Amino acid sequence: MFKSVFAATAALSVSAGAAFAGPYVNVENNAGFTGSDFDGSVTETHIGYESDLGESAAWYIQAGPAFVAADGEDLETELSGKVGLGVDVTENINVYGEVGFITDEDDNGYGTKLGATYRF
C-alpha cells in the first residue's frame, strides 16, 4: 500500500553526539514517482524530543499529523511517528536505526531503517 511504502522510507537519520537536546519541530515531505508520473506524497508535521545517551549515542522520538496526498484521491490526515537511535562506534563510524508508523483506516503501516555513516 502507498502509505506503508512511505512509512518505511520516510525517516530522519540520527547522528550521535547531537549538539542540541530537547524538544523540536520537524516537517518532512516524501514524494513518489513512477517514471515521470506523480504517485503521491506524505507530509509529516511532527513534534519531537531528542537527547544524548552518554558521550557517543543519541536518541529521538517524534509524532504528529501526516497529510497523505495520493494522486487522484482526496487528501487524508493520518497520525505518524518514529523513534530512532544513533551510536558512534568509532570516531568515524556512526550506526543508526529507526522504527516508524503511520495510521490508516484499513491497515496501519510500519517501517524500519538501519544504516551506517562513515565520516572522512
N, C-alpha and C. Protein backbone atom coordinates (compact mmCIF):
# COMPACT_ATOMS: atom_id res chain seq x y z
N MET A 1 0.84 -1.18 0.00
CA MET A 1 0.00 0.00 0.00
C MET A 1 0.88 1.23 0.00
N PHE A 2 0.40 2.30 -0.63
CA PHE A 2 1.13 3.55 -0.79
C PHE A 2 1.63 4.09 0.55
N LYS A 3 0.78 4.13 1.56
CA LYS A 3 1.16 4.71 2.85
C LYS A 3 2.24 3.91 3.55
N SER A 4 2.17 2.60 3.47
CA SER A 4 3.18 1.80 4.16
C SER A 4 4.55 1.93 3.49
N VAL A 5 4.58 2.15 2.17
CA VAL A 5 5.85 2.39 1.50
C VAL A 5 6.49 3.66 2.05
N PHE A 6 5.70 4.72 2.21
CA PHE A 6 6.25 5.96 2.74
C PHE A 6 6.60 5.83 4.22
N ALA A 7 5.85 5.05 4.97
CA ALA A 7 6.20 4.84 6.38
C ALA A 7 7.54 4.16 6.49
N ALA A 8 7.83 3.27 5.55
CA ALA A 8 9.10 2.55 5.59
C ALA A 8 10.27 3.41 5.13
N THR A 9 10.03 4.36 4.21
CA THR A 9 11.13 5.13 3.65
C THR A 9 11.26 6.53 4.20
N ALA A 10 10.20 7.08 4.77
CA ALA A 10 10.27 8.44 5.31
C ALA A 10 10.96 8.39 6.66
N ALA A 11 12.11 8.96 6.76
CA ALA A 11 12.85 8.85 8.01
C ALA A 11 13.84 9.98 8.15
N LEU A 12 14.17 10.25 9.36
CA LEU A 12 15.16 11.25 9.71
C LEU A 12 16.34 10.52 10.31
N SER A 13 17.53 10.65 9.70
CA SER A 13 18.72 9.97 10.22
C SER A 13 19.17 10.61 11.50
N VAL A 14 19.67 9.77 12.39
CA VAL A 14 20.17 10.24 13.69
C VAL A 14 21.68 10.24 13.63
N SER A 15 22.27 11.25 14.22
CA SER A 15 23.71 11.27 14.39
C SER A 15 24.00 11.41 15.87
N ALA A 16 24.81 10.53 16.40
CA ALA A 16 25.10 10.57 17.83
C ALA A 16 25.86 11.83 18.17
N GLY A 17 25.84 12.18 19.45
CA GLY A 17 26.56 13.35 19.91
C GLY A 17 25.91 14.65 19.47
N ALA A 18 24.59 14.70 19.44
CA ALA A 18 23.89 15.88 18.98
C ALA A 18 24.24 17.09 19.85
N ALA A 19 24.36 18.25 19.20
CA ALA A 19 24.69 19.46 19.93
C ALA A 19 23.47 20.03 20.64
N PHE A 20 22.29 19.61 20.24
CA PHE A 20 21.05 20.11 20.81
C PHE A 20 20.30 18.96 21.46
N ALA A 21 19.81 19.19 22.67
CA ALA A 21 18.97 18.19 23.33
C ALA A 21 17.70 18.89 23.78
N GLY A 22 16.57 18.26 23.55
CA GLY A 22 15.30 18.84 23.96
C GLY A 22 14.26 18.74 22.87
N PRO A 23 13.19 19.53 23.00
CA PRO A 23 12.08 19.46 22.04
C PRO A 23 12.43 20.14 20.72
N TYR A 24 11.74 19.69 19.66
CA TYR A 24 11.93 20.27 18.33
C TYR A 24 10.68 20.04 17.49
N VAL A 25 10.62 20.71 16.35
CA VAL A 25 9.56 20.52 15.35
C VAL A 25 10.25 20.06 14.07
N ASN A 26 9.68 19.05 13.42
CA ASN A 26 10.22 18.52 12.17
C ASN A 26 9.11 18.41 11.15
N VAL A 27 9.27 19.06 10.00
CA VAL A 27 8.33 18.94 8.89
C VAL A 27 9.09 18.28 7.75
N GLU A 28 8.52 17.18 7.23
CA GLU A 28 9.21 16.41 6.20
C GLU A 28 8.20 15.98 5.15
N ASN A 29 8.56 16.15 3.86
CA ASN A 29 7.72 15.69 2.76
C ASN A 29 8.47 14.63 1.98
N ASN A 30 7.79 13.52 1.70
CA ASN A 30 8.32 12.45 0.87
C ASN A 30 7.35 12.23 -0.28
N ALA A 31 7.85 12.36 -1.51
CA ALA A 31 7.02 12.19 -2.69
C ALA A 31 7.50 11.00 -3.49
N GLY A 32 6.58 10.34 -4.19
CA GLY A 32 6.91 9.19 -5.01
C GLY A 32 6.50 9.39 -6.46
N PHE A 33 7.32 8.86 -7.35
CA PHE A 33 7.07 8.96 -8.78
C PHE A 33 7.33 7.60 -9.42
N THR A 34 6.57 7.28 -10.47
CA THR A 34 6.84 6.15 -11.32
C THR A 34 7.17 6.74 -12.68
N GLY A 35 8.43 6.67 -13.05
CA GLY A 35 8.86 7.40 -14.24
C GLY A 35 8.66 8.88 -13.98
N SER A 36 7.92 9.55 -14.86
CA SER A 36 7.64 10.97 -14.64
C SER A 36 6.24 11.20 -14.07
N ASP A 37 5.52 10.12 -13.73
CA ASP A 37 4.16 10.22 -13.18
C ASP A 37 4.21 10.33 -11.66
N PHE A 38 3.56 11.35 -11.11
CA PHE A 38 3.46 11.55 -9.68
C PHE A 38 2.52 10.53 -9.08
N ASP A 39 2.98 9.78 -8.07
CA ASP A 39 2.15 8.79 -7.38
C ASP A 39 1.47 9.39 -6.16
N GLY A 40 2.19 10.26 -5.45
CA GLY A 40 1.64 10.86 -4.24
C GLY A 40 2.73 11.31 -3.31
N SER A 41 2.31 11.87 -2.17
CA SER A 41 3.27 12.32 -1.18
C SER A 41 2.69 12.22 0.22
N VAL A 42 3.59 12.20 1.19
CA VAL A 42 3.21 12.23 2.60
C VAL A 42 4.00 13.38 3.23
N THR A 43 3.29 14.31 3.86
CA THR A 43 3.93 15.40 4.59
C THR A 43 3.68 15.18 6.07
N GLU A 44 4.76 14.94 6.81
CA GLU A 44 4.68 14.70 8.25
C GLU A 44 5.01 16.00 8.98
N THR A 45 4.19 16.33 9.98
CA THR A 45 4.42 17.52 10.81
C THR A 45 4.52 17.05 12.25
N HIS A 46 5.74 16.84 12.68
CA HIS A 46 5.99 16.20 13.97
C HIS A 46 6.52 17.16 15.02
N ILE A 47 6.16 16.86 16.25
CA ILE A 47 6.79 17.45 17.43
C ILE A 47 7.61 16.32 18.04
N GLY A 48 8.85 16.63 18.43
CA GLY A 48 9.70 15.56 18.92
C GLY A 48 10.58 15.98 20.07
N TYR A 49 11.32 15.01 20.55
CA TYR A 49 12.28 15.24 21.63
C TYR A 49 13.51 14.40 21.33
N GLU A 50 14.71 15.01 21.51
CA GLU A 50 15.94 14.27 21.32
C GLU A 50 16.88 14.52 22.49
N SER A 51 17.76 13.55 22.72
CA SER A 51 18.68 13.67 23.84
C SER A 51 19.87 12.74 23.63
N ASP A 52 20.98 13.08 24.29
CA ASP A 52 22.16 12.24 24.26
C ASP A 52 21.99 11.04 25.19
N LEU A 53 22.67 9.97 24.85
CA LEU A 53 22.80 8.79 25.72
C LEU A 53 24.30 8.63 25.96
N GLY A 54 24.80 9.26 26.96
CA GLY A 54 26.24 9.25 27.20
C GLY A 54 26.94 10.14 26.20
N GLU A 55 28.21 9.85 25.95
CA GLU A 55 29.02 10.69 25.06
C GLU A 55 29.01 10.24 23.61
N SER A 56 28.54 9.03 23.33
CA SER A 56 28.65 8.53 21.96
C SER A 56 27.34 8.06 21.34
N ALA A 57 26.21 8.41 21.94
CA ALA A 57 24.93 7.97 21.39
C ALA A 57 23.87 9.05 21.60
N ALA A 58 22.85 9.01 20.77
CA ALA A 58 21.71 9.93 20.89
C ALA A 58 20.45 9.20 20.44
N TRP A 59 19.30 9.65 20.96
CA TRP A 59 18.01 9.06 20.58
C TRP A 59 17.02 10.18 20.34
N TYR A 60 15.91 9.85 19.66
CA TYR A 60 14.82 10.80 19.44
C TYR A 60 13.50 10.05 19.33
N ILE A 61 12.43 10.80 19.57
CA ILE A 61 11.07 10.31 19.37
C ILE A 61 10.26 11.48 18.84
N GLN A 62 9.38 11.23 17.87
CA GLN A 62 8.57 12.30 17.30
C GLN A 62 7.26 11.72 16.75
N ALA A 63 6.22 12.56 16.74
CA ALA A 63 4.91 12.14 16.22
C ALA A 63 4.07 13.36 15.90
N GLY A 64 3.05 13.15 15.08
CA GLY A 64 2.12 14.22 14.74
C GLY A 64 1.32 13.87 13.50
N PRO A 65 0.57 14.84 12.99
CA PRO A 65 -0.26 14.60 11.80
C PRO A 65 0.59 14.34 10.55
N ALA A 66 0.07 13.47 9.70
CA ALA A 66 0.67 13.19 8.40
C ALA A 66 -0.40 13.42 7.35
N PHE A 67 -0.09 14.24 6.36
CA PHE A 67 -1.03 14.56 5.29
C PHE A 67 -0.67 13.74 4.07
N VAL A 68 -1.57 12.80 3.72
CA VAL A 68 -1.33 11.84 2.64
C VAL A 68 -2.07 12.31 1.40
N ALA A 69 -1.29 12.57 0.34
CA ALA A 69 -1.86 13.05 -0.92
C ALA A 69 -1.54 12.04 -2.01
N ALA A 70 -2.40 11.05 -2.20
CA ALA A 70 -2.23 10.08 -3.28
C ALA A 70 -2.81 10.67 -4.56
N ASP A 71 -2.13 10.45 -5.67
CA ASP A 71 -2.55 11.01 -6.95
C ASP A 71 -3.98 10.59 -7.28
N GLY A 72 -4.83 11.57 -7.54
CA GLY A 72 -6.21 11.31 -7.91
C GLY A 72 -7.15 11.03 -6.77
N GLU A 73 -6.67 11.14 -5.53
CA GLU A 73 -7.51 10.87 -4.36
C GLU A 73 -7.57 12.10 -3.46
N ASP A 74 -8.57 12.15 -2.58
CA ASP A 74 -8.69 13.24 -1.62
C ASP A 74 -7.56 13.17 -0.61
N LEU A 75 -7.16 14.33 -0.12
CA LEU A 75 -6.14 14.42 0.93
C LEU A 75 -6.65 13.75 2.19
N GLU A 76 -5.83 12.91 2.81
CA GLU A 76 -6.19 12.24 4.05
C GLU A 76 -5.24 12.69 5.15
N THR A 77 -5.75 12.80 6.36
CA THR A 77 -4.92 13.13 7.52
C THR A 77 -4.81 11.89 8.39
N GLU A 78 -3.60 11.48 8.66
CA GLU A 78 -3.32 10.31 9.48
C GLU A 78 -2.39 10.74 10.62
N LEU A 79 -2.03 9.81 11.47
CA LEU A 79 -1.07 10.04 12.54
C LEU A 79 0.17 9.23 12.22
N SER A 80 1.35 9.86 12.35
CA SER A 80 2.59 9.13 12.12
C SER A 80 3.59 9.48 13.21
N GLY A 81 4.60 8.65 13.32
CA GLY A 81 5.64 8.89 14.30
C GLY A 81 6.83 8.00 14.07
N LYS A 82 7.91 8.29 14.78
CA LYS A 82 9.12 7.50 14.67
C LYS A 82 9.96 7.64 15.92
N VAL A 83 10.77 6.63 16.17
CA VAL A 83 11.73 6.64 17.26
C VAL A 83 13.04 6.12 16.68
N GLY A 84 14.15 6.76 17.07
CA GLY A 84 15.43 6.37 16.50
C GLY A 84 16.57 6.48 17.48
N LEU A 85 17.68 5.85 17.11
CA LEU A 85 18.87 5.81 17.94
C LEU A 85 20.09 5.83 17.03
N GLY A 86 21.11 6.59 17.40
CA GLY A 86 22.38 6.60 16.68
C GLY A 86 23.52 6.42 17.67
N VAL A 87 24.54 5.64 17.26
CA VAL A 87 25.67 5.36 18.14
C VAL A 87 26.96 5.51 17.35
N ASP A 88 27.89 6.30 17.88
CA ASP A 88 29.23 6.38 17.30
C ASP A 88 30.01 5.16 17.76
N VAL A 89 30.33 4.25 16.84
CA VAL A 89 31.09 3.06 17.21
C VAL A 89 32.59 3.31 17.14
N THR A 90 33.00 4.26 16.33
CA THR A 90 34.36 4.77 16.29
C THR A 90 34.25 6.27 16.06
N GLU A 91 35.39 6.95 15.98
CA GLU A 91 35.37 8.39 15.71
C GLU A 91 34.78 8.70 14.34
N ASN A 92 34.89 7.75 13.40
CA ASN A 92 34.44 7.99 12.03
C ASN A 92 33.17 7.24 11.64
N ILE A 93 32.71 6.30 12.43
CA ILE A 93 31.57 5.46 12.04
C ILE A 93 30.41 5.61 13.02
N ASN A 94 29.24 5.92 12.48
CA ASN A 94 28.00 6.02 13.25
C ASN A 94 27.03 5.00 12.69
N VAL A 95 26.42 4.19 13.55
CA VAL A 95 25.35 3.29 13.13
C VAL A 95 24.04 3.82 13.71
N TYR A 96 22.95 3.65 12.97
CA TYR A 96 21.67 4.20 13.40
C TYR A 96 20.52 3.29 13.00
N GLY A 97 19.43 3.45 13.72
CA GLY A 97 18.22 2.70 13.42
C GLY A 97 17.00 3.52 13.75
N GLU A 98 15.90 3.20 13.08
CA GLU A 98 14.65 3.93 13.28
C GLU A 98 13.49 3.00 13.04
N VAL A 99 12.42 3.17 13.83
CA VAL A 99 11.15 2.47 13.62
C VAL A 99 10.09 3.55 13.48
N GLY A 100 9.26 3.45 12.43
CA GLY A 100 8.22 4.44 12.20
C GLY A 100 6.88 3.79 11.93
N PHE A 101 5.81 4.61 12.04
CA PHE A 101 4.47 4.11 11.77
C PHE A 101 3.63 5.21 11.14
N ILE A 102 2.55 4.81 10.49
CA ILE A 102 1.52 5.73 10.01
C ILE A 102 0.19 5.00 10.09
N THR A 103 -0.84 5.69 10.58
CA THR A 103 -2.15 5.06 10.70
C THR A 103 -2.84 5.02 9.35
N ASP A 104 -3.85 4.19 9.26
CA ASP A 104 -4.67 4.05 8.07
C ASP A 104 -5.97 3.41 8.51
N GLU A 105 -7.09 3.82 7.93
CA GLU A 105 -8.37 3.25 8.36
C GLU A 105 -8.47 1.76 8.04
N ASP A 106 -7.72 1.28 7.04
CA ASP A 106 -7.77 -0.14 6.68
C ASP A 106 -6.70 -0.95 7.41
N ASP A 107 -5.47 -0.45 7.39
CA ASP A 107 -4.36 -1.21 7.96
C ASP A 107 -3.20 -0.25 8.22
N ASN A 108 -2.69 -0.21 9.45
CA ASN A 108 -1.58 0.67 9.77
C ASN A 108 -0.31 0.22 9.05
N GLY A 109 0.58 1.18 8.76
CA GLY A 109 1.85 0.88 8.11
C GLY A 109 3.00 1.07 9.09
N TYR A 110 3.99 0.21 8.98
CA TYR A 110 5.17 0.27 9.84
C TYR A 110 6.41 0.15 8.97
N GLY A 111 7.49 0.76 9.42
CA GLY A 111 8.74 0.66 8.66
C GLY A 111 9.93 0.76 9.58
N THR A 112 11.04 0.26 9.08
CA THR A 112 12.30 0.34 9.83
C THR A 112 13.38 0.88 8.91
N LYS A 113 14.42 1.40 9.54
CA LYS A 113 15.60 1.85 8.80
C LYS A 113 16.82 1.52 9.64
N LEU A 114 17.83 0.93 9.03
CA LEU A 114 19.11 0.66 9.66
C LEU A 114 20.18 1.16 8.71
N GLY A 115 21.22 1.76 9.28
CA GLY A 115 22.27 2.25 8.39
C GLY A 115 23.53 2.58 9.15
N ALA A 116 24.54 2.95 8.38
CA ALA A 116 25.82 3.35 8.94
C ALA A 116 26.34 4.54 8.13
N THR A 117 26.99 5.45 8.81
CA THR A 117 27.62 6.61 8.17
C THR A 117 29.11 6.59 8.48
N TYR A 118 29.93 6.75 7.42
CA TYR A 118 31.36 6.88 7.59
C TYR A 118 31.74 8.33 7.35
N ARG A 119 32.37 8.96 8.30
CA ARG A 119 32.80 10.36 8.18
C ARG A 119 34.28 10.39 7.83
N PHE A 120 34.65 11.14 6.80
CA PHE A 120 36.05 11.27 6.38
C PHE A 120 36.78 12.29 7.21
